[in-house]
Protein backbone atom coordinates (compact mmCIF):
# COMPACT_ATOMS: atom_id res chain seq x y z
CA MET A 1 7.95 -5.01 41.45
CA PRO A 2 5.19 -5.95 38.92
CA VAL A 3 3.74 -2.44 39.23
CA ASP A 4 7.11 -0.94 38.32
CA SER A 5 7.44 -3.04 35.18
CA LEU A 6 3.84 -2.27 34.23
CA LEU A 7 4.49 1.47 34.54
CA VAL A 8 7.66 1.17 32.48
CA SER A 9 5.81 -0.80 29.79
CA ILE A 10 3.02 1.78 29.66
CA GLY A 11 5.60 4.57 29.45
CA VAL A 12 7.47 2.87 26.61
CA CYS A 13 4.24 2.27 24.69
CA ALA A 14 3.15 5.88 25.20
CA MET A 15 6.49 7.22 23.97
CA PHE A 16 6.32 4.93 20.92
CA LEU A 17 2.81 6.15 20.10
CA ILE A 18 3.84 9.80 20.49
CA PHE A 19 6.80 9.23 18.19
CA ALA A 20 4.62 7.41 15.64
CA PHE A 21 2.08 10.25 15.59
CA ALA A 22 4.87 12.82 15.22
CA VAL A 23 6.37 10.95 12.26
CA ALA A 24 2.93 10.52 10.64
CA TRP A 25 2.18 14.23 11.07
CA ALA A 26 5.56 15.22 9.61
CA ASP A 27 5.06 12.86 6.65
CA HIS A 28 1.57 14.24 6.00
CA THR A 29 2.79 17.85 6.19
CA THR A 30 5.77 17.20 3.91
CA SER A 31 3.71 15.25 1.38
CA GLN A 32 1.09 18.00 1.29
CA TRP A 33 3.82 20.62 0.73
CA LEU A 34 5.44 18.58 -2.04
CA ARG A 35 2.09 18.02 -3.76
CA SER A 36 1.28 21.73 -3.73
CA ARG A 37 4.78 22.57 -4.97
CA ALA A 38 4.52 20.02 -7.81
CA ALA A 39 1.09 21.36 -8.79
CA THR A 40 2.44 24.91 -8.88
CA LYS A 41 5.42 23.80 -10.93
CA GLN A 42 3.14 21.88 -13.33
CA ALA A 43 0.90 24.93 -13.72
CA THR A 44 3.86 27.15 -14.59
CA THR A 45 5.27 24.67 -17.14
CA ASP A 46 1.91 24.32 -18.91
CA THR A 47 1.94 27.96 -19.99
CA GLU A 48 3.96 29.17 -22.93
CA PRO A 49 7.11 31.08 -21.89
CA PRO A 50 6.93 34.75 -22.92
CA TYR A 51 10.14 34.58 -24.97
CA ARG A 52 8.76 31.86 -27.28
CA LYS A 53 6.72 32.83 -30.28
CA ALA A 54 3.64 30.85 -31.14
CA ALA A 55 4.06 28.87 -34.36
C-alpha cells in the first residue's frame, strides 16, 4: 500500500511539473511574439506616412 501511494504522488508531481513547463514555454513564446510584433509596429509608426507632406 505505501508503494502505491508513493507512485501516485510521484506521478502527480511529474504531471504538475510537465504542465508547469508547458505553460512557461507557451508564455515565453507568446511574450516573444508580442515583443517582436510591438517592435515592428513601433518601427512602422516612426516613419512618416507617404501621404503626409513634410512641413
